[in-house]
C-alpha atoms as a PDB file:
ATOM      1  CA  MET A   1       0.000   0.000   0.000  1.00  0.00           C
ATOM      2  CA  ASP A   2       3.008   2.318   0.115  1.00  0.00           C
ATOM      3  CA  SER A   3       3.340   2.620  -3.650  1.00  0.00           C
ATOM      4  CA  PRO A   4       3.899   6.031  -5.254  1.00  0.00           C
ATOM      5  CA  LEU A   5       0.294   5.892  -6.503  1.00  0.00           C
ATOM      6  CA  THR A   6      -0.973   5.594  -2.941  1.00  0.00           C
ATOM      7  CA  SER A   7       1.350   7.960  -1.129  1.00  0.00           C
ATOM      8  CA  VAL A   8       1.882  10.802  -3.607  1.00  0.00           C
ATOM      9  CA  ALA A   9       0.229  10.666  -7.034  1.00  0.00           C
ATOM     10  CA  LEU A  10      -3.335   9.849  -6.007  1.00  0.00           C
ATOM     11  CA  PRO A  11      -3.735  12.496  -3.263  1.00  0.00           C
ATOM     12  CA  ALA A  12      -2.047  15.080  -5.509  1.00  0.00           C
ATOM     13  CA  ALA A  13      -4.320  14.196  -8.426  1.00  0.00           C
ATOM     14  CA  LEU A  14      -7.468  14.494  -6.333  1.00  0.00           C
ATOM     15  CA  ALA A  15      -6.261  17.748  -4.766  1.00  0.00           C
ATOM     16  CA  LEU A  16      -5.720  19.233  -8.236  1.00  0.00           C
ATOM     17  CA  ILE A  17      -9.163  18.121  -9.422  1.00  0.00           C
ATOM     18  CA  MET A  18     -10.925  19.470  -6.336  1.00  0.00           C
ATOM     19  CA  PHE A  19      -8.901  22.718  -6.490  1.00  0.00           C
ATOM     20  CA  GLY A  20     -10.018  23.129 -10.104  1.00  0.00           C
ATOM     21  CA  LEU A  21     -13.594  22.633  -8.976  1.00  0.00           C
ATOM     22  CA  GLY A  22     -13.123  25.346  -6.371  1.00  0.00           C
ATOM     23  CA  LEU A  23     -11.851  27.762  -9.026  1.00  0.00           C
ATOM     24  CA  SER A  24     -15.243  27.465 -10.759  1.00  0.00           C
ATOM     25  CA  LEU A  25     -17.332  28.022  -7.612  1.00  0.00           C
ATOM     26  CA  THR A  26     -18.652  31.083  -5.822  1.00  0.00           C
ATOM     27  CA  VAL A  27     -20.760  31.472  -2.698  1.00  0.00           C
ATOM     28  CA  ASP A  28     -23.679  32.286  -4.991  1.00  0.00           C
ATOM     29  CA  ASP A  29     -23.594  28.705  -6.288  1.00  0.00           C
ATOM     30  CA  PHE A  30     -24.597  27.548  -2.809  1.00  0.00           C
ATOM     31  CA  ARG A  31     -27.286  30.222  -2.552  1.00  0.00           C
ATOM     32  CA  ARG A  32     -28.912  29.192  -5.820  1.00  0.00           C
ATOM     33  CA  ILE A  33     -30.745  26.349  -4.113  1.00  0.00           C
ATOM     34  CA  GLY A  34     -32.888  28.964  -2.370  1.00  0.00           C
ATOM     35  CA  ARG A  35     -33.741  30.693  -5.639  1.00  0.00           C
ATOM     36  CA  GLU A  36     -34.233  27.577  -7.773  1.00  0.00           C
ATOM     37  CA  PRO A  37     -34.794  24.724  -5.311  1.00  0.00           C
ATOM     38  CA  LYS A  38     -36.802  22.321  -7.451  1.00  0.00           C
ATOM     39  CA  PRO A  39     -34.156  20.966  -9.897  1.00  0.00           C
ATOM     40  CA  VAL A  40     -31.508  20.983  -7.178  1.00  0.00           C
ATOM     41  CA  VAL A  41     -33.607  19.076  -4.653  1.00  0.00           C
ATOM     42  CA  ILE A  42     -34.779  16.491  -7.217  1.00  0.00           C
ATOM     43  CA  ALA A  43     -31.233  15.769  -8.421  1.00  0.00           C
ATOM     44  CA  LEU A  44     -29.875  15.549  -4.876  1.00  0.00           C
ATOM     45  CA  VAL A  45     -32.606  13.120  -3.815  1.00  0.00           C
ATOM     46  CA  ILE A  46     -31.803  10.909  -6.811  1.00  0.00           C
ATOM     47  CA  GLN A  47     -28.089  11.101  -6.143  1.00  0.00           C
ATOM     48  CA  LEU A  48     -28.065  10.760  -2.365  1.00  0.00           C
ATOM     49  CA  VAL A  49     -30.981   8.395  -1.762  1.00  0.00           C
ATOM     50  CA  LEU A  50     -32.167   6.627  -4.897  1.00  0.00           C
ATOM     51  CA  LEU A  51     -28.812   5.701  -6.464  1.00  0.00           C
ATOM     52  CA  PRO A  52     -27.302   4.018  -3.378  1.00  0.00           C
ATOM     53  CA  ALA A  53     -30.539   2.046  -2.943  1.00  0.00           C
ATOM     54  CA  LEU A  54     -30.554   0.991  -6.599  1.00  0.00           C
ATOM     55  CA  CYS A  55     -26.859   0.130  -6.482  1.00  0.00           C
ATOM     56  CA  PHE A  56     -27.473  -2.048  -3.424  1.00  0.00           C
ATOM     57  CA  GLY A  57     -30.196  -3.917  -5.278  1.00  0.00           C
ATOM     58  CA  LEU A  58     -27.944  -4.268  -8.330  1.00  0.00           C
ATOM     59  CA  VAL A  59     -24.998  -5.793  -6.480  1.00  0.00           C
ATOM     60  CA  ILE A  60     -27.361  -8.178  -4.676  1.00  0.00           C
ATOM     61  CA  ALA A  61     -28.976  -9.206  -7.964  1.00  0.00           C
ATOM     62  CA  LEU A  62     -25.574  -9.778  -9.601  1.00  0.00           C
ATOM     63  CA  ASP A  63     -24.234 -11.574  -6.511  1.00  0.00           C
ATOM     64  CA  LEU A  64     -20.968  -9.628  -6.527  1.00  0.00           C
ATOM     65  CA  GLU A  65     -18.020 -10.565  -4.344  1.00  0.00           C
ATOM     66  CA  ALA A  66     -18.311  -8.738  -1.002  1.00  0.00           C
ATOM     67  CA  ILE A  67     -15.322  -6.415  -1.492  1.00  0.00           C
ATOM     68  CA  LEU A  68     -16.499  -5.417  -4.986  1.00  0.00           C
ATOM     69  CA  ALA A  69     -20.045  -4.847  -3.690  1.00  0.00           C
ATOM     70  CA  VAL A  70     -18.673  -2.399  -1.106  1.00  0.00           C
ATOM     71  CA  GLY A  71     -16.619  -0.737  -3.856  1.00  0.00           C
ATOM     72  CA  MET A  72     -19.773  -0.272  -5.940  1.00  0.00           C
ATOM     73  CA  LEU A  73     -21.564   1.356  -2.993  1.00  0.00           C
ATOM     74  CA  LEU A  74     -18.540   3.612  -2.440  1.00  0.00           C
ATOM     75  CA  LEU A  75     -18.837   4.675  -6.076  1.00  0.00           C
ATOM     76  CA  ALA A  76     -22.593   5.237  -5.763  1.00  0.00           C
ATOM     77  CA  ALA A  77     -22.059   7.458  -2.702  1.00  0.00           C
ATOM     78  CA  SER A  78     -19.422   9.603  -4.422  1.00  0.00           C
ATOM     79  CA  PRO A  79     -20.616  12.999  -5.706  1.00  0.00           C
ATOM     80  CA  GLY A  80     -20.473  14.266  -9.261  1.00  0.00           C
ATOM     81  CA  GLY A  81     -17.399  16.116 -10.427  1.00  0.00           C
ATOM     82  CA  THR A  82     -15.914  18.400 -13.032  1.00  0.00           C
ATOM     83  CA  THR A  83     -16.345  15.782 -15.765  1.00  0.00           C
ATOM     84  CA  ALA A  84     -20.126  16.097 -15.358  1.00  0.00           C
ATOM     85  CA  ASN A  85     -19.825  19.853 -15.834  1.00  0.00           C
ATOM     86  CA  LEU A  86     -17.825  19.330 -19.033  1.00  0.00           C
ATOM     87  CA  PHE A  87     -20.353  16.911 -20.538  1.00  0.00           C
ATOM     88  CA  SER A  88     -23.195  19.255 -19.600  1.00  0.00           C
ATOM     89  CA  HIS A  89     -21.450  22.126 -21.370  1.00  0.00           C
ATOM     90  CA  LEU A  90     -20.818  20.042 -24.482  1.00  0.00           C
ATOM     91  CA  PHE A  91     -24.427  18.865 -24.735  1.00  0.00           C
ATOM     92  CA  ARG A  92     -26.295  22.092 -23.874  1.00  0.00           C
ATOM     93  CA  GLY A  93     -27.137  21.397 -20.281  1.00  0.00           C
ATOM     94  CA  ASP A  94     -27.544  24.044 -17.584  1.00  0.00           C
ATOM     95  CA  VAL A  95     -23.922  24.220 -16.417  1.00  0.00           C
ATOM     96  CA  ALA A  96     -24.779  26.619 -13.577  1.00  0.00           C
ATOM     97  CA  LEU A  97     -27.043  23.909 -12.167  1.00  0.00           C
ATOM     98  CA  ASN A  98     -24.207  21.371 -12.499  1.00  0.00           C
ATOM     99  CA  ILE A  99     -21.871  23.640 -10.576  1.00  0.00           C
ATOM    100  CA  THR A 100     -24.455  24.137  -7.822  1.00  0.00           C
ATOM    101  CA  LEU A 101     -25.114  20.401  -7.561  1.00  0.00           C
ATOM    102  CA  THR A 102     -21.414  19.532  -7.541  1.00  0.00           C
ATOM    103  CA  ALA A 103     -20.745  22.090  -4.826  1.00  0.00           C
ATOM    104  CA  LEU A 104     -23.617  20.990  -2.588  1.00  0.00           C
ATOM    105  CA  ASN A 105     -23.111  17.279  -3.096  1.00  0.00           C
ATOM    106  CA  SER A 106     -19.378  17.514  -2.432  1.00  0.00           C
ATOM    107  CA  VAL A 107     -20.155  19.059   0.961  1.00  0.00           C
ATOM    108  CA  ILE A 108     -22.996  16.658   1.790  1.00  0.00           C
ATOM    109  CA  ALA A 109     -20.928  13.629   0.719  1.00  0.00           C
ATOM    110  CA  VAL A 110     -18.580  14.221   3.650  1.00  0.00           C
ATOM    111  CA  VAL A 111     -21.460  12.911   5.797  1.00  0.00           C
ATOM    112  CA  THR A 112     -23.356  10.604   3.429  1.00  0.00           C
ATOM    113  CA  LEU A 113     -20.373   8.766   1.916  1.00  0.00           C
ATOM    114  CA  PRO A 114     -19.159   7.321   5.256  1.00  0.00           C
ATOM    115  CA  LEU A 115     -22.745   6.381   6.165  1.00  0.00           C
ATOM    116  CA  VAL A 116     -23.281   4.455   2.919  1.00  0.00           C
ATOM    117  CA  VAL A 117     -19.855   2.808   2.981  1.00  0.00           C
ATOM    118  CA  ASN A 118     -20.100   1.749   6.621  1.00  0.00           C
ATOM    119  CA  ALA A 119     -23.586   0.313   6.021  1.00  0.00           C
ATOM    120  CA  ALA A 120     -22.209  -1.625   3.016  1.00  0.00           C
ATOM    121  CA  VAL A 121     -19.221  -2.925   5.007  1.00  0.00           C
ATOM    122  CA  SER A 122     -21.563  -4.018   7.808  1.00  0.00           C
ATOM    123  CA  TYR A 123     -23.949  -5.798   5.435  1.00  0.00           C
ATOM    124  CA  PHE A 124     -21.514  -7.485   3.048  1.00  0.00           C
ATOM    125  CA  ASP A 125     -18.800  -8.094   5.688  1.00  0.00           C
ATOM    126  CA  PRO A 126     -15.813  -8.421   3.330  1.00  0.00           C
ATOM    127  CA  PRO A 127     -12.541  -9.910   4.615  1.00  0.00           C
ATOM    128  CA  GLY A 128     -10.839  -7.450   6.963  1.00  0.00           C
ATOM    129  CA  ALA A 129     -14.068  -5.481   7.389  1.00  0.00           C
ATOM    130  CA  GLY A 130     -12.972  -4.179  10.766  1.00  0.00           C
ATOM    131  CA  ASP A 131      -9.993  -2.437   9.176  1.00  0.00           C
ATOM    132  CA  ILE A 132     -11.649  -0.853   6.139  1.00  0.00           C
ATOM    133  CA  GLY A 133     -14.680   0.888   7.652  1.00  0.00           C
ATOM    134  CA  LEU A 134     -14.778   4.696   7.735  1.00  0.00           C
ATOM    135  CA  GLN A 135     -14.490   5.580  11.417  1.00  0.00           C
ATOM    136  CA  LEU A 136     -14.197   9.179  12.648  1.00  0.00           C
ATOM    137  CA  GLY A 137     -10.500   9.549  11.881  1.00  0.00           C
ATOM    138  CA  LYS A 138     -10.928   8.268   8.347  1.00  0.00           C
ATOM    139  CA  THR A 139     -14.031  10.423   7.876  1.00  0.00           C
ATOM    140  CA  LEU A 140     -11.929  13.469   8.749  1.00  0.00           C
ATOM    141  CA  GLN A 141      -9.513  12.391   6.007  1.00  0.00           C
ATOM    142  CA  VAL A 142     -12.436  12.360   3.546  1.00  0.00           C
ATOM    143  CA  PHE A 143     -13.326  15.861   4.729  1.00  0.00           C
ATOM    144  CA  ALA A 144      -9.765  17.034   4.155  1.00  0.00           C
ATOM    145  CA  ILE A 145      -9.319  15.580   0.670  1.00  0.00           C
ATOM    146  CA  VAL A 146     -12.743  16.754  -0.525  1.00  0.00           C
ATOM    147  CA  LEU A 147     -13.340  20.181   0.982  1.00  0.00           C
ATOM    148  CA  VAL A 148      -9.946  21.728   1.732  1.00  0.00           C
ATOM    149  CA  PRO A 149      -8.785  21.962  -1.931  1.00  0.00           C
ATOM    150  CA  VAL A 150     -12.258  23.195  -2.960  1.00  0.00           C
ATOM    151  CA  ALA A 151     -12.152  25.894  -0.279  1.00  0.00           C
ATOM    152  CA  ILE A 152      -8.669  26.981  -1.387  1.00  0.00           C
ATOM    153  CA  GLY A 153      -9.867  27.193  -4.992  1.00  0.00           C
ATOM    154  CA  MET A 154     -12.856  29.319  -3.954  1.00  0.00           C
ATOM    155  CA  VAL A 155     -10.605  31.654  -1.951  1.00  0.00           C
ATOM    156  CA  VAL A 156      -8.293  32.043  -4.959  1.00  0.00           C
ATOM    157  CA  ARG A 157     -11.267  32.822  -7.204  1.00  0.00           C
ATOM    158  CA  ARG A 158     -12.586  35.426  -4.775  1.00  0.00           C
ATOM    159  CA  SER A 159      -9.236  37.130  -4.152  1.00  0.00           C
ATOM    160  CA  ARG A 160      -7.667  36.705  -7.609  1.00  0.00           C
ATOM    161  CA  PRO A 161     -10.555  36.422 -10.104  1.00  0.00           C
ATOM    162  CA  ALA A 162      -8.386  37.204 -13.144  1.00  0.00           C
ATOM    163  CA  PHE A 163      -5.914  34.464 -12.207  1.00  0.00           C
ATOM    164  CA  ALA A 164      -8.763  32.019 -11.519  1.00  0.00           C
ATOM    165  CA  THR A 165     -10.235  32.701 -14.959  1.00  0.00           C
ATOM    166  CA  GLN A 166      -6.865  32.216 -16.669  1.00  0.00           C
ATOM    167  CA  ALA A 167      -6.085  29.077 -14.679  1.00  0.00           C
ATOM    168  CA  ASP A 168      -9.491  27.458 -15.178  1.00  0.00           C
ATOM    169  CA  LYS A 169      -8.856  25.905 -18.595  1.00  0.00           C
ATOM    170  CA  PRO A 170      -5.292  24.658 -17.898  1.00  0.00           C
ATOM    171  CA  VAL A 171      -6.441  23.159 -14.592  1.00  0.00           C
ATOM    172  CA  ARG A 172      -9.383  21.438 -16.313  1.00  0.00           C
ATOM    173  CA  ILE A 173      -7.025  19.922 -18.907  1.00  0.00           C
ATOM    174  CA  ALA A 174      -4.576  18.850 -16.221  1.00  0.00           C
ATOM    175  CA  SER A 175      -7.437  17.376 -14.198  1.00  0.00           C
ATOM    176  CA  ALA A 176      -8.537  15.287 -17.180  1.00  0.00           C
ATOM    177  CA  VAL A 177      -4.979  14.036 -17.670  1.00  0.00           C
ATOM    178  CA  VAL A 178      -4.467  13.101 -14.031  1.00  0.00           C
ATOM    179  CA  LEU A 179      -7.923  11.491 -13.922  1.00  0.00           C
ATOM    180  CA  ALA A 180      -6.883   9.215 -16.782  1.00  0.00           C
ATOM    181  CA  ALA A 181      -3.560   8.506 -15.062  1.00  0.00           C
ATOM    182  CA  VAL A 182      -5.273   7.658 -11.775  1.00  0.00           C
ATOM    183  CA  ILE A 183      -7.683   5.243 -13.475  1.00  0.00           C
ATOM    184  CA  VAL A 184      -4.868   3.538 -15.389  1.00  0.00           C
ATOM    185  CA  GLY A 185      -2.784   3.354 -12.215  1.00  0.00           C
ATOM    186  CA  ALA A 186      -5.612   1.796 -10.236  1.00  0.00           C
ATOM    187  CA  LEU A 187      -6.203  -0.788 -12.937  1.00  0.00           C
ATOM    188  CA  LEU A 188      -2.476  -1.573 -13.229  1.00  0.00           C
ATOM    189  CA  ALA A 189      -2.270  -2.068  -9.456  1.00  0.00           C
ATOM    190  CA  GLU A 190      -4.714  -4.937  -9.886  1.00  0.00           C
ATOM    191  CA  ARG A 191      -3.468  -6.052 -13.317  1.00  0.00           C
ATOM    192  CA  GLU A 192      -3.102  -9.703 -12.326  1.00  0.00           C
ATOM    193  CA  ASN A 193      -6.804  -9.887 -11.546  1.00  0.00           C
ATOM    194  CA  ILE A 194      -8.134  -7.293 -13.995  1.00  0.00           C
ATOM    195  CA  GLY A 195      -9.548  -9.828 -16.448  1.00  0.00           C
ATOM    196  CA  ASP A 196     -11.589 -11.454 -13.701  1.00  0.00           C
ATOM    197  CA  TYR A 197     -12.645  -8.093 -12.290  1.00  0.00           C
ATOM    198  CA  LEU A 198     -13.811  -6.857 -15.684  1.00  0.00           C
ATOM    199  CA  ALA A 199     -15.888  -9.988 -16.059  1.00  0.00           C
ATOM    200  CA  ASP A 200     -17.262  -9.551 -12.541  1.00  0.00           C
ATOM    201  CA  ILE A 201     -17.761  -5.803 -12.408  1.00  0.00           C
ATOM    202  CA  GLY A 202     -18.042  -4.663 -16.046  1.00  0.00           C
ATOM    203  CA  ALA A 203     -21.753  -5.423 -16.348  1.00  0.00           C
ATOM    204  CA  ALA A 204     -22.480  -3.852 -12.955  1.00  0.00           C
ATOM    205  CA  THR A 205     -20.718  -0.589 -13.812  1.00  0.00           C
ATOM    206  CA  VAL A 206     -22.350  -0.334 -17.248  1.00  0.00           C
ATOM    207  CA  ILE A 207     -25.834  -0.966 -15.841  1.00  0.00           C
ATOM    208  CA  PHE A 208     -25.260   1.421 -12.951  1.00  0.00           C
ATOM    209  CA  CYS A 209     -24.016   4.212 -15.220  1.00  0.00           C
ATOM    210  CA  ALA A 210     -26.801   3.743 -17.776  1.00  0.00           C
ATOM    211  CA  VAL A 211     -29.511   3.677 -15.096  1.00  0.00           C
ATOM    212  CA  SER A 212     -28.004   6.726 -13.387  1.00  0.00           C
ATOM    213  CA  LEU A 213     -27.955   8.768 -16.608  1.00  0.00           C
ATOM    214  CA  THR A 214     -31.515   7.697 -17.453  1.00  0.00           C
ATOM    215  CA  LEU A 215     -33.022   8.454 -14.049  1.00  0.00           C
ATOM    216  CA  GLY A 216     -31.064  11.695 -13.801  1.00  0.00           C
ATOM    217  CA  TYR A 217     -32.865  12.885 -16.926  1.00  0.00           C
ATOM    218  CA  LEU A 218     -36.310  11.258 -16.750  1.00  0.00           C
ATOM    219  CA  LEU A 219     -37.286  11.961 -13.143  1.00  0.00           C
ATOM    220  CA  PRO A 220     -36.612  15.724 -13.334  1.00  0.00           C
ATOM    221  CA  ARG A 221     -38.509  15.908 -16.654  1.00  0.00           C
ATOM    222  CA  LEU A 222     -41.478  14.063 -15.133  1.00  0.00           C
ATOM    223  CA  ALA A 223     -41.393  16.634 -12.318  1.00  0.00           C
ATOM    224  CA  GLY A 224     -41.609  19.503 -14.805  1.00  0.00           C
ATOM    225  CA  VAL A 225     -37.954  20.584 -14.828  1.00  0.00           C
ATOM    226  CA  THR A 226     -36.774  22.264 -18.039  1.00  0.00           C
ATOM    227  CA  GLU A 227     -34.945  20.313 -20.749  1.00  0.00           C
ATOM    228  CA  ARG A 228     -31.581  21.978 -20.165  1.00  0.00           C
ATOM    229  CA  GLN A 229     -31.848  21.471 -16.406  1.00  0.00           C
ATOM    230  CA  ALA A 230     -32.763  17.811 -16.902  1.00  0.00           C
ATOM    231  CA  ILE A 231     -29.720  17.312 -19.148  1.00  0.00           C
ATOM    232  CA  ALA A 232     -27.536  18.879 -16.455  1.00  0.00           C
ATOM    233  CA  SER A 233     -29.125  16.600 -13.870  1.00  0.00           C
ATOM    234  CA  ALA A 234     -28.533  13.536 -16.054  1.00  0.00           C
ATOM    235  CA  PHE A 235     -24.793  14.153 -16.215  1.00  0.00           C
ATOM    236  CA  GLU A 236     -24.490  15.193 -12.576  1.00  0.00           C
ATOM    237  CA  VAL A 237     -26.315  12.073 -11.403  1.00  0.00           C
ATOM    238  CA  GLY A 238     -24.803   9.757 -14.018  1.00  0.00           C
ATOM    239  CA  ILE A 239     -21.135  10.776 -13.815  1.00  0.00           C
ATOM    240  CA  HIS A 240     -19.599  10.174 -10.407  1.00  0.00           C
ATOM    241  CA  ASN A 241     -16.268  11.427  -9.114  1.00  0.00           C
ATOM    242  CA  SER A 242     -14.400   8.163  -9.651  1.00  0.00           C
ATOM    243  CA  THR A 243     -11.116   9.772  -8.591  1.00  0.00           C
ATOM    244  CA  LEU A 244     -12.585  10.508  -5.165  1.00  0.00           C
ATOM    245  CA  ALA A 245     -13.877   6.952  -4.852  1.00  0.00           C
ATOM    246  CA  ILE A 246     -10.449   5.569  -5.808  1.00  0.00           C
ATOM    247  CA  ALA A 247      -8.691   7.907  -3.363  1.00  0.00           C
ATOM    248  CA  VAL A 248     -10.990   6.951  -0.491  1.00  0.00           C
ATOM    249  CA  ALA A 249     -10.570   3.244  -1.295  1.00  0.00           C
ATOM    250  CA  VAL A 250      -6.790   3.302  -1.602  1.00  0.00           C
ATOM    251  CA  THR A 251      -5.487   6.099   0.635  1.00  0.00           C
ATOM    252  CA  VAL A 252      -8.200   6.271   3.310  1.00  0.00           C
ATOM    253  CA  MET A 253      -9.533   2.709   3.544  1.00  0.00           C
ATOM    254  CA  GLY A 254      -6.253   1.082   2.494  1.00  0.00           C
ATOM    255  CA  GLU A 255      -7.761  -1.513   0.168  1.00  0.00           C
ATOM    256  CA  GLU A 256      -6.894  -1.345  -3.543  1.00  0.00           C
ATOM    257  CA  THR A 257      -9.494  -3.927  -4.566  1.00  0.00           C
ATOM    258  CA  LEU A 258     -12.195  -1.507  -3.356  1.00  0.00           C
ATOM    259  CA  ALA A 259     -11.028   0.909  -6.061  1.00  0.00           C
ATOM    260  CA  VAL A 260     -11.616  -1.538  -8.933  1.00  0.00           C
ATOM    261  CA  PRO A 261     -15.325  -0.700  -9.504  1.00  0.00           C
ATOM    262  CA  ALA A 262     -14.541   3.035  -9.619  1.00  0.00           C
ATOM    263  CA  ALA A 263     -11.580   2.491 -11.948  1.00  0.00           C
ATOM    264  CA  VAL A 264     -13.579   0.303 -14.349  1.00  0.00           C
ATOM    265  CA  TYR A 265     -16.490   2.747 -14.164  1.00  0.00           C
ATOM    266  CA  GLY A 266     -14.119   5.641 -14.857  1.00  0.00           C
ATOM    267  CA  VAL A 267     -13.264   4.061 -18.205  1.00  0.00           C
ATOM    268  CA  LEU A 268     -16.694   2.795 -19.259  1.00  0.00           C
ATOM    269  CA  MET A 269     -18.689   5.879 -18.290  1.00  0.00           C
ATOM    270  CA  PHE A 270     -17.099   8.025 -21.019  1.00  0.00           C
ATOM    271  CA  PRO A 271     -18.615   6.216 -24.034  1.00  0.00           C
ATOM    272  CA  LEU A 272     -21.926   5.803 -22.186  1.00  0.00           C
ATOM    273  CA  ALA A 273     -22.074   9.501 -21.292  1.00  0.00           C
ATOM    274  CA  LEU A 274     -21.127  10.405 -24.869  1.00  0.00           C
ATOM    275  CA  LEU A 275     -23.979   8.290 -26.265  1.00  0.00           C
ATOM    276  CA  ALA A 276     -26.394   9.803 -23.751  1.00  0.00           C
ATOM    277  CA  GLY A 277     -25.235  13.300 -24.654  1.00  0.00           C
ATOM    278  CA  LEU A 278     -25.709  12.735 -28.376  1.00  0.00           C
ATOM    279  CA  ALA A 279     -29.234  11.455 -27.744  1.00  0.00           C
ATOM    280  CA  LEU A 280     -30.155  14.305 -25.398  1.00  0.00           C
ATOM    281  CA  ARG A 281     -28.551  17.058 -27.483  1.00  0.00           C
ATOM    282  CA  LYS A 282     -31.191  16.588 -30.159  1.00  0.00           C
ATOM    283  CA  ARG A 283     -33.852  17.397 -27.577  1.00  0.00           C
ATOM    284  CA  ALA A 284     -32.209  20.507 -26.143  1.00  0.00           C
ATOM    285  CA  ALA A 285     -33.136  23.875 -27.603  1.00  0.00           C
ATOM    286  CA  PRO A 286     -30.195  25.940 -28.850  1.00  0.00           C
ATOM    287  CA  VAL A 287     -28.972  28.476 -26.302  1.00  0.00           C
ATOM    288  CA  PRO A 288     -29.738  32.038 -27.513  1.00  0.00           C
ATOM    289  CA  ALA A 289     -26.745  34.162 -28.438  1.00  0.00           C
ATOM    290  CA  GLY A 290     -25.367  36.224 -25.592  1.00  0.00           C
ATOM    291  CA  ARG A 291     -26.453  33.818 -22.863  1.00  0.00           C
END
């Protein structure tokens, strides 16, 4: 567990990604829930309540190995991230809504992620369960790796807005690069078993991602949310922060096998999200010039 991926590269990669998220946030993003609560509340309920419940049912139905089942629940409890914002921008979603959801869910996940993971560890009881649960000390680590870089990014944006604007694009590109590196690294760490894991977890991650994208779009639309807001919700709900899930699995919980579902998902979700975006883009009205 003391590999360079665990001790240096993975925490640094996540810190960069979360710092980049902070550069795109303002306090007003948190206030928006009071002005436009409906799409925010619907997406958060799907993400925080419905998806973990559905994921639990999925891993039971597929009879996954206990450690992989816990890894799937860790993934389900992870918030959306900057990749969701990018897909929403590309396919005419309401990016402001994505930013609000990412900000709120990243804060809430500090509480909900340990609750979901500990419940999964208790139920599935994987080998070494007593060592991999998220007790208070480990929960504080989750708090540190999620919120501290975001807060620093927000402070930089507030105090140096010109620098934050200039740095936004390079940081986004760097975040995409390190995300790919983290996923490859996690898969290489388990390369001897990757064929078996893909056979075991590939179907689960594809189904989970497809269902997440579908529910993230359909349920808001059924509730009367606008098309662009529903597209934003689809990507926010359907694209989880796999880097965070990998970091929690490897650096906080100390179990690399727990990271396999998030790593496999991190690869497979790109083509699925692309297909979903192409389908949804045809439904979205063009954004008027100047907006």
